[in-house]
C-alpha atoms as a PDB file:
ATOM      1  CA  MET A   1      17.046  12.299  26.794  1.00  0.00           C
ATOM      2  CA  GLU A   2      15.270   9.623  24.823  1.00  0.00           C
ATOM      3  CA  GLN A   3      16.940   8.666  21.572  1.00  0.00           C
ATOM      4  CA  PRO A   4      14.214   8.242  18.929  1.00  0.00           C
ATOM      5  CA  LEU A   5      15.191   6.950  15.521  1.00  0.00           C
ATOM      6  CA  VAL A   6      15.874   9.607  12.877  1.00  0.00           C
ATOM      7  CA  SER A   7      15.464   8.558   9.240  1.00  0.00           C
ATOM      8  CA  VAL A   8      17.752  10.538   6.941  1.00  0.00           C
ATOM      9  CA  ILE A   9      16.302  10.773   3.434  1.00  0.00           C
ATOM     10  CA  MET A  10      18.884  10.960   0.634  1.00  0.00           C
ATOM     11  CA  PRO A  11      17.981  10.735  -3.063  1.00  0.00           C
ATOM     12  CA  SER A  12      21.000  10.100  -5.278  1.00  0.00           C
ATOM     13  CA  TYR A  13      21.674  10.707  -8.937  1.00  0.00           C
ATOM     14  CA  ASN A  14      25.042  10.924 -10.728  1.00  0.00           C
ATOM     15  CA  ALA A  15      26.743  12.187  -7.583  1.00  0.00           C
ATOM     16  CA  GLU A  16      29.976  10.193  -7.598  1.00  0.00           C
ATOM     17  CA  GLN A  17      31.983  13.380  -7.017  1.00  0.00           C
ATOM     18  CA  PHE A  18      30.189  14.379  -3.806  1.00  0.00           C
ATOM     19  CA  ILE A  19      28.086  11.615  -2.255  1.00  0.00           C
ATOM     20  CA  ALA A  20      30.846   9.985  -0.200  1.00  0.00           C
ATOM     21  CA  GLU A  21      31.439  13.282   1.609  1.00  0.00           C
ATOM     22  CA  SER A  22      27.700  13.668   2.242  1.00  0.00           C
ATOM     23  CA  ILE A  23      27.443  10.148   3.679  1.00  0.00           C
ATOM     24  CA  GLU A  24      30.528  10.757   5.819  1.00  0.00           C
ATOM     25  CA  SER A  25      28.831  13.806   7.328  1.00  0.00           C
ATOM     26  CA  VAL A  26      26.022  11.484   8.513  1.00  0.00           C
ATOM     27  CA  LEU A  27      28.469   8.887   9.818  1.00  0.00           C
ATOM     28  CA  HIS A  28      30.216  11.594  11.860  1.00  0.00           C
ATOM     29  CA  GLN A  29      27.044  12.668  13.676  1.00  0.00           C
ATOM     30  CA  THR A  30      27.344  12.749  17.461  1.00  0.00           C
ATOM     31  CA  TYR A  31      23.758  11.450  17.604  1.00  0.00           C
ATOM     32  CA  GLN A  32      23.925   7.779  16.733  1.00  0.00           C
ATOM     33  CA  ASN A  33      20.330   6.526  16.527  1.00  0.00           C
ATOM     34  CA  TRP A  34      19.784   7.202  12.831  1.00  0.00           C
ATOM     35  CA  GLU A  35      19.238   5.319   9.622  1.00  0.00           C
ATOM     36  CA  LEU A  36      20.309   6.641   6.232  1.00  0.00           C
ATOM     37  CA  VAL A  37      17.802   5.713   3.532  1.00  0.00           C
ATOM     38  CA  VAL A  38      19.214   6.180   0.023  1.00  0.00           C
ATOM     39  CA  THR A  39      17.402   5.611  -3.264  1.00  0.00           C
ATOM     40  CA  ASP A  40      19.353   5.990  -6.485  1.00  0.00           C
ATOM     41  CA  ASP A  41      17.485   7.411  -9.467  1.00  0.00           C
ATOM     42  CA  CYS A  42      19.148   5.234 -12.144  1.00  0.00           C
ATOM     43  CA  SER A  43      22.557   6.896 -12.082  1.00  0.00           C
ATOM     44  CA  SER A  44      24.891   6.344 -15.024  1.00  0.00           C
ATOM     45  CA  ASP A  45      28.087   6.892 -12.997  1.00  0.00           C
ATOM     46  CA  ARG A  46      29.650   5.154  -9.968  1.00  0.00           C
ATOM     47  CA  THR A  47      27.157   6.533  -7.436  1.00  0.00           C
ATOM     48  CA  PRO A  48      25.469   3.145  -6.711  1.00  0.00           C
ATOM     49  CA  GLU A  49      28.839   1.449  -6.235  1.00  0.00           C
ATOM     50  CA  ILE A  50      29.964   4.119  -3.772  1.00  0.00           C
ATOM     51  CA  VAL A  51      26.752   3.945  -1.731  1.00  0.00           C
ATOM     52  CA  GLN A  52      26.833   0.148  -1.668  1.00  0.00           C
ATOM     53  CA  SER A  53      30.366   0.225  -0.303  1.00  0.00           C
ATOM     54  CA  TYR A  54      29.063   2.206   2.694  1.00  0.00           C
ATOM     55  CA  CYS A  55      26.125  -0.197   3.118  1.00  0.00           C
ATOM     56  CA  ASP A  56      28.586  -3.044   3.410  1.00  0.00           C
ATOM     57  CA  LYS A  57      30.317  -1.249   6.303  1.00  0.00           C
ATOM     58  CA  ASP A  58      27.358   0.132   8.276  1.00  0.00           C
ATOM     59  CA  SER A  59      24.009  -1.637   8.747  1.00  0.00           C
ATOM     60  CA  ARG A  60      22.268   1.685   9.415  1.00  0.00           C
ATOM     61  CA  ILE A  61      22.581   2.577   5.723  1.00  0.00           C
ATOM     62  CA  HIS A  62      19.818   1.182   3.507  1.00  0.00           C
ATOM     63  CA  PHE A  63      20.149   1.407  -0.268  1.00  0.00           C
ATOM     64  CA  ALA A  64      17.846   0.733  -3.188  1.00  0.00           C
ATOM     65  CA  ILE A  65      17.907   1.551  -6.887  1.00  0.00           C
ATOM     66  CA  ALA A  66      14.728   2.874  -8.494  1.00  0.00           C
ATOM     67  CA  LYS A  67      13.233   0.628 -11.178  1.00  0.00           C
ATOM     68  CA  ARG A  68      12.851   3.625 -13.456  1.00  0.00           C
ATOM     69  CA  HIS A  69      13.868   7.269 -13.470  1.00  0.00           C
ATOM     70  CA  SER A  70      11.520   8.959 -10.990  1.00  0.00           C
ATOM     71  CA  GLY A  71      12.862  12.477 -10.473  1.00  0.00           C
ATOM     72  CA  ILE A  72      13.795  13.928  -7.100  1.00  0.00           C
ATOM     73  CA  ALA A  73      10.250  13.917  -5.676  1.00  0.00           C
ATOM     74  CA  GLY A  74       9.618  10.309  -6.662  1.00  0.00           C
ATOM     75  CA  THR A  75      13.015   9.239  -5.345  1.00  0.00           C
ATOM     76  CA  ARG A  76      12.494  11.035  -2.038  1.00  0.00           C
ATOM     77  CA  ASN A  77       9.076   9.413  -1.712  1.00  0.00           C
ATOM     78  CA  GLN A  78      10.586   5.973  -2.224  1.00  0.00           C
ATOM     79  CA  CYS A  79      13.015   6.751   0.613  1.00  0.00           C
ATOM     80  CA  ILE A  80      10.224   8.005   2.880  1.00  0.00           C
ATOM     81  CA  ALA A  81       8.162   4.874   2.202  1.00  0.00           C
ATOM     82  CA  ARG A  82      11.049   2.729   3.486  1.00  0.00           C
ATOM     83  CA  ALA A  83      11.886   4.976   6.464  1.00  0.00           C
ATOM     84  CA  LYS A  84      11.201   3.596   9.946  1.00  0.00           C
ATOM     85  CA  GLY A  85      11.993   6.619  12.101  1.00  0.00           C
ATOM     86  CA  ARG A  86       9.622   8.853  14.002  1.00  0.00           C
ATOM     87  CA  PHE A  87      11.710  11.821  12.882  1.00  0.00           C
ATOM     88  CA  ILE A  88      12.531  12.564   9.245  1.00  0.00           C
ATOM     89  CA  ALA A  89      15.478  14.657   8.062  1.00  0.00           C
ATOM     90  CA  PHE A  90      16.590  15.385   4.511  1.00  0.00           C
ATOM     91  CA  LEU A  91      20.090  15.562   3.057  1.00  0.00           C
ATOM     92  CA  ASP A  92      20.850  15.918  -0.627  1.00  0.00           C
ATOM     93  CA  ASN A  93      23.685  13.900  -2.142  1.00  0.00           C
ATOM     94  CA  ASP A  94      26.041  16.871  -2.384  1.00  0.00           C
ATOM     95  CA  ASP A  95      25.350  18.753   0.856  1.00  0.00           C
ATOM     96  CA  LEU A  96      26.926  18.348   4.296  1.00  0.00           C
ATOM     97  CA  TRP A  97      25.847  18.395   7.930  1.00  0.00           C
ATOM     98  CA  HIS A  98      27.754  19.677  10.926  1.00  0.00           C
ATOM     99  CA  PRO A  99      28.587  16.790  13.282  1.00  0.00           C
ATOM    100  CA  GLU A 100      26.144  17.940  15.982  1.00  0.00           C
ATOM    101  CA  LYS A 101      23.242  18.623  13.594  1.00  0.00           C
ATOM    102  CA  LEU A 102      21.046  15.697  14.595  1.00  0.00           C
ATOM    103  CA  GLU A 103      21.897  15.869  18.300  1.00  0.00           C
ATOM    104  CA  LYS A 104      21.051  19.564  18.584  1.00  0.00           C
ATOM    105  CA  GLN A 105      17.940  19.351  16.439  1.00  0.00           C
ATOM    106  CA  ILE A 106      16.477  16.304  18.190  1.00  0.00           C
ATOM    107  CA  ARG A 107      17.034  17.978  21.571  1.00  0.00           C
ATOM    108  CA  PHE A 108      15.330  21.121  20.264  1.00  0.00           C
ATOM    109  CA  MET A 109      12.388  19.182  18.810  1.00  0.00           C
ATOM    110  CA  LEU A 110      11.777  17.189  21.994  1.00  0.00           C
ATOM    111  CA  GLU A 111      12.091  20.206  24.287  1.00  0.00           C
ATOM    112  CA  LYS A 112       9.845  22.365  22.077  1.00  0.00           C
ATOM    113  CA  GLY A 113       7.420  19.544  21.267  1.00  0.00           C
ATOM    114  CA  CYS A 114       7.149  20.887  17.722  1.00  0.00           C
ATOM    115  CA  ALA A 115       6.357  19.077  14.487  1.00  0.00           C
ATOM    116  CA  CYS A 116       8.891  20.963  12.358  1.00  0.00           C
ATOM    117  CA  SER A 117      12.170  22.802  12.836  1.00  0.00           C
ATOM    118  CA  TYR A 118      14.792  24.299  10.548  1.00  0.00           C
ATOM    119  CA  SER A 119      18.214  25.906  10.926  1.00  0.00           C
ATOM    120  CA  ALA A 120      20.538  28.424   9.371  1.00  0.00           C
ATOM    121  CA  TYR A 121      22.967  27.148   6.760  1.00  0.00           C
ATOM    122  CA  GLU A 122      26.174  28.149   5.029  1.00  0.00           C
ATOM    123  CA  LEU A 123      26.832  28.250   1.280  1.00  0.00           C
ATOM    124  CA  LEU A 124      29.725  26.359  -0.291  1.00  0.00           C
ATOM    125  CA  ARG A 125      31.239  26.662  -3.739  1.00  0.00           C
ATOM    126  CA  GLU A 126      31.068  23.597  -5.934  1.00  0.00           C
ATOM    127  CA  ASN A 127      34.621  22.673  -4.925  1.00  0.00           C
ATOM    128  CA  GLY A 128      33.631  22.676  -1.253  1.00  0.00           C
ATOM    129  CA  THR A 129      35.224  25.967  -0.202  1.00  0.00           C
ATOM    130  CA  PRO A 130      33.072  28.449   1.758  1.00  0.00           C
ATOM    131  CA  LYS A 131      31.401  31.257  -0.178  1.00  0.00           C
ATOM    132  CA  GLY A 132      31.416  33.377   2.951  1.00  0.00           C
ATOM    133  CA  LYS A 133      27.624  33.612   3.089  1.00  0.00           C
ATOM    134  CA  THR A 134      25.172  32.313   5.655  1.00  0.00           C
ATOM    135  CA  ILE A 135      21.424  31.994   5.133  1.00  0.00           C
ATOM    136  CA  LYS A 136      19.915  32.959   8.460  1.00  0.00           C
ATOM    137  CA  THR A 137      16.625  31.779   9.928  1.00  0.00           C
ATOM    138  CA  ALA A 138      13.599  34.083   9.810  1.00  0.00           C
ATOM    139  CA  GLY A 139      11.859  33.345  13.083  1.00  0.00           C
ATOM    140  CA  VAL A 140       8.839  31.111  13.503  1.00  0.00           C
ATOM    141  CA  ILE A 141       7.307  30.384  10.090  1.00  0.00           C
ATOM    142  CA  ASN A 142       3.608  29.749   9.556  1.00  0.00           C
ATOM    143  CA  TYR A 143       1.809  29.029   6.287  1.00  0.00           C
ATOM    144  CA  ASP A 144       1.189  32.651   5.284  1.00  0.00           C
ATOM    145  CA  ARG A 145       4.749  33.722   6.077  1.00  0.00           C
ATOM    146  CA  TYR A 146       6.193  30.803   4.158  1.00  0.00           C
ATOM    147  CA  LEU A 147       4.253  31.655   1.011  1.00  0.00           C
ATOM    148  CA  ARG A 148       6.150  34.957   0.968  1.00  0.00           C
ATOM    149  CA  ASN A 149       9.495  33.742   2.231  1.00  0.00           C
ATOM    150  CA  THR A 150      10.706  30.266   1.208  1.00  0.00           C
ATOM    151  CA  ILE A 151      13.667  30.538   3.559  1.00  0.00           C
ATOM    152  CA  ILE A 152      13.646  26.905   4.739  1.00  0.00           C
ATOM    153  CA  GLY A 153      16.556  24.865   3.396  1.00  0.00           C
ATOM    154  CA  SER A 154      15.512  21.253   2.834  1.00  0.00           C
ATOM    155  CA  GLY A 155      18.776  19.962   4.305  1.00  0.00           C
ATOM    156  CA  THR A 156      18.074  21.812   7.560  1.00  0.00           C
ATOM    157  CA  ILE A 157      14.507  20.672   8.235  1.00  0.00           C
ATOM    158  CA  MET A 158      13.380  17.944  10.620  1.00  0.00           C
ATOM    159  CA  LEU A 159       9.823  16.604  10.881  1.00  0.00           C
ATOM    160  CA  ASP A 160       8.048  14.608  13.581  1.00  0.00           C
ATOM    161  CA  ARG A 161       5.776  12.096  11.837  1.00  0.00           C
ATOM    162  CA  GLU A 162       3.825  11.496  15.033  1.00  0.00           C
ATOM    163  CA  GLN A 163       2.489  15.022  14.546  1.00  0.00           C
ATOM    164  CA  THR A 164       2.554  15.519  10.757  1.00  0.00           C
ATOM    165  CA  GLY A 165       1.219  12.097   9.794  1.00  0.00           C
ATOM    166  CA  SER A 166       2.325  10.495   6.530  1.00  0.00           C
ATOM    167  CA  LEU A 167       4.619  12.484   4.263  1.00  0.00           C
ATOM    168  CA  VAL A 168       4.486  12.577   0.454  1.00  0.00           C
ATOM    169  CA  MET A 169       6.492  14.969  -1.718  1.00  0.00           C
ATOM    170  CA  PRO A 170       4.299  16.393  -4.510  1.00  0.00           C
ATOM    171  CA  ASP A 171       6.018  15.971  -7.878  1.00  0.00           C
ATOM    172  CA  ASN A 172       6.767  19.586  -8.698  1.00  0.00           C
ATOM    173  CA  ALA A 173      10.242  19.653 -10.264  1.00  0.00           C
ATOM    174  CA  THR A 174      12.571  21.954  -8.267  1.00  0.00           C
ATOM    175  CA  SER A 175       9.902  22.932  -5.719  1.00  0.00           C
ATOM    176  CA  ASP A 176       8.791  19.511  -4.462  1.00  0.00           C
ATOM    177  CA  ASP A 177      10.162  20.338  -1.006  1.00  0.00           C
ATOM    178  CA  MET A 178       8.368  23.701  -0.960  1.00  0.00           C
ATOM    179  CA  ALA A 179       5.115  21.950  -1.852  1.00  0.00           C
ATOM    180  CA  LEU A 180       5.485  19.575   1.126  1.00  0.00           C
ATOM    181  CA  TRP A 181       6.386  22.354   3.581  1.00  0.00           C
ATOM    182  CA  CYS A 182       3.283  24.243   2.379  1.00  0.00           C
ATOM    183  CA  LYS A 183       1.107  21.230   3.127  1.00  0.00           C
ATOM    184  CA  ILE A 184       2.547  20.755   6.624  1.00  0.00           C
ATOM    185  CA  LEU A 185       2.253  24.442   7.523  1.00  0.00           C
ATOM    186  CA  LYS A 186      -1.221  24.697   6.036  1.00  0.00           C
ATOM    187  CA  ASP A 187      -2.271  21.901   8.399  1.00  0.00           C
ATOM    188  CA  GLY A 188      -1.570  24.323  11.244  1.00  0.00           C
ATOM    189  CA  HIS A 189       2.000  23.401  12.174  1.00  0.00           C
ATOM    190  CA  PHE A 190       4.808  25.926  12.572  1.00  0.00           C
ATOM    191  CA  ALA A 191       8.472  25.711  11.541  1.00  0.00           C
ATOM    192  CA  TYR A 192      10.567  26.697  14.556  1.00  0.00           C
ATOM    193  CA  PRO A 193      14.053  28.160  13.946  1.00  0.00           C
ATOM    194  CA  ILE A 194      17.445  27.050  15.185  1.00  0.00           C
ATOM    195  CA  PRO A 195      19.598  30.131  14.411  1.00  0.00           C
ATOM    196  CA  GLU A 196      22.836  28.108  14.441  1.00  0.00           C
ATOM    197  CA  VAL A 197      24.384  26.924  11.154  1.00  0.00           C
ATOM    198  CA  LEU A 198      23.905  23.150  11.022  1.00  0.00           C
ATOM    199  CA  MET A 199      24.113  22.474   7.267  1.00  0.00           C
ATOM    200  CA  LEU A 200      26.448  23.334   4.405  1.00  0.00           C
ATOM    201  CA  TYR A 201      24.713  23.822   1.062  1.00  0.00           C
ATOM    202  CA  ARG A 202      26.792  23.248  -2.071  1.00  0.00           C
ATOM    203  CA  VAL A 203      25.935  25.672  -4.872  1.00  0.00           C
ATOM    204  CA  ARG A 204      26.390  23.810  -8.158  1.00  0.00           C
ATOM    205  CA  SER A 205      26.219  25.459 -11.553  1.00  0.00           C
ATOM    206  CA  ASN A 206      24.354  22.565 -13.208  1.00  0.00           C
ATOM    207  CA  SER A 207      21.790  21.872 -10.460  1.00  0.00           C
ATOM    208  CA  ALA A 208      18.061  22.270 -11.014  1.00  0.00           C
ATOM    209  CA  SER A 209      17.857  24.907  -8.284  1.00  0.00           C
ATOM    210  CA  ALA A 210      20.583  26.944 -10.002  1.00  0.00           C
ATOM    211  CA  ASN A 211      18.133  27.687 -12.846  1.00  0.00           C
ATOM    212  CA  LYS A 212      16.479  30.665 -11.166  1.00  0.00           C
ATOM    213  CA  PHE A 213      13.888  31.236 -13.892  1.00  0.00           C
ATOM    214  CA  LYS A 214      12.706  27.626 -13.721  1.00  0.00           C
ATOM    215  CA  ALA A 215      12.716  27.671  -9.908  1.00  0.00           C
ATOM    216  CA  ALA A 216      10.597  30.838  -9.907  1.00  0.00           C
ATOM    217  CA  LYS A 217       8.176  29.264 -12.386  1.00  0.00           C
ATOM    218  CA  ASP A 218       7.838  26.211 -10.140  1.00  0.00           C
ATOM    219  CA  VAL A 219       7.112  28.422  -7.121  1.00  0.00           C
ATOM    220  CA  TRP A 220       4.347  30.089  -9.133  1.00  0.00           C
ATOM    221  CA  LEU A 221       2.928  26.663 -10.013  1.00  0.00           C
ATOM    222  CA  VAL A 222       2.855  25.696  -6.328  1.00  0.00           C
ATOM    223  CA  TYR A 223       0.833  28.847  -5.614  1.00  0.00           C
ATOM    224  CA  ARG A 224      -1.641  28.315  -8.420  1.00  0.00           C
ATOM    225  CA  LYS A 225      -1.866  24.563  -8.998  1.00  0.00           C
ATOM    226  CA  GLN A 226      -1.323  23.081  -5.534  1.00  0.00           C
ATOM    227  CA  GLU A 227      -2.339  25.870  -3.155  1.00  0.00           C
ATOM    228  CA  LYS A 228      -5.002  27.156  -5.549  1.00  0.00           C
ATOM    229  CA  LEU A 229      -4.381  30.771  -4.624  1.00  0.00           C
ATOM    230  CA  SER A 230      -6.259  33.415  -6.569  1.00  0.00           C
ATOM    231  CA  PHE A 231      -4.193  35.160  -9.225  1.00  0.00           C
ATOM    232  CA  PHE A 232      -3.829  38.342  -7.181  1.00  0.00           C
ATOM    233  CA  ARG A 233      -2.978  36.567  -3.925  1.00  0.00           C
ATOM    234  CA  ALA A 234      -0.445  34.442  -5.792  1.00  0.00           C
ATOM    235  CA  LEU A 235       1.012  37.594  -7.328  1.00  0.00           C
ATOM    236  CA  GLY A 236       1.362  39.229  -3.910  1.00  0.00           C
ATOM    237  CA  CYS A 237       3.039  36.124  -2.516  1.00  0.00           C
ATOM    238  CA  PHE A 238       5.329  35.947  -5.533  1.00  0.00           C
ATOM    239  CA  PHE A 239       6.505  39.529  -5.010  1.00  0.00           C
ATOM    240  CA  GLY A 240       7.262  38.623  -1.392  1.00  0.00           C
ATOM    241  CA  TYR A 241       9.107  35.488  -2.537  1.00  0.00           C
ATOM    242  CA  ALA A 242      11.171  37.477  -5.065  1.00  0.00           C
ATOM    243  CA  PHE A 243      11.990  40.229  -2.550  1.00  0.00           C
ATOM    244  CA  ASN A 244      13.119  37.754   0.095  1.00  0.00           C
ATOM    245  CA  ALA A 245      15.085  35.688  -2.445  1.00  0.00           C
ATOM    246  CA  ILE A 246      17.032  38.835  -3.436  1.00  0.00           C
ATOM    247  CA  LYS A 247      17.457  39.850   0.214  1.00  0.00           C
ATOM    248  CA  LYS A 248      18.755  36.366   1.048  1.00  0.00           C
ATOM    249  CA  ARG A 249      21.463  36.675  -1.595  1.00  0.00           C
ATOM    250  CA  LEU A 250      22.509  40.166  -0.494  1.00  0.00           C
ATOM    251  CA  GLN A 251      22.614  39.640   3.274  1.00  0.00           C
END
């Protein structure tokens, strides 16, 4: 199997408590042809110092500090602009990958010849202990299905830039990743599922995504502002989104 370069995109911000563990989960990948591209969004804690210490040990880790506070979309975009890999994967500064995540996903992508894939993932408490809940995949996702079921975890997705072309995260607060997936799927690509759990998602009480009202508002803004759906189509999609969000938490 060919070993194309995978660029791992990691924005960082005030993550001194968790980021070392996240970086370690990349270092422990069985697939070795990766680069970790980190941009720090003007942290006020020891995050930059921790990341730099890993840069000094491994030349595959590339680190920069944003000139000004850019938010998660802007920080991700700065990482993407510096990325050299054909394949792009995303890992937040508090989440974790299983050791075989990249190996299994690259094999899947090359065998399937797809532009986008995603996997199941497991939820962790803030202290890193399992919550005993897994978010399963929902089959092959196209644009219309995704509008009603935002099941794709950003830390599980992998994209082939040879097929998607250039990638830019729209600046949409907590739903910047959703906005990008919408664009890719609207272009006619499909997100193919890997049912296996390959990522561990840390549920933090103070994270932007933990504010469910704000997250729901941002989803609505993606429908109306970016996707320019009519009010009634947006409303139908929003009911689907809400139903599947509740179902995801109860499964």
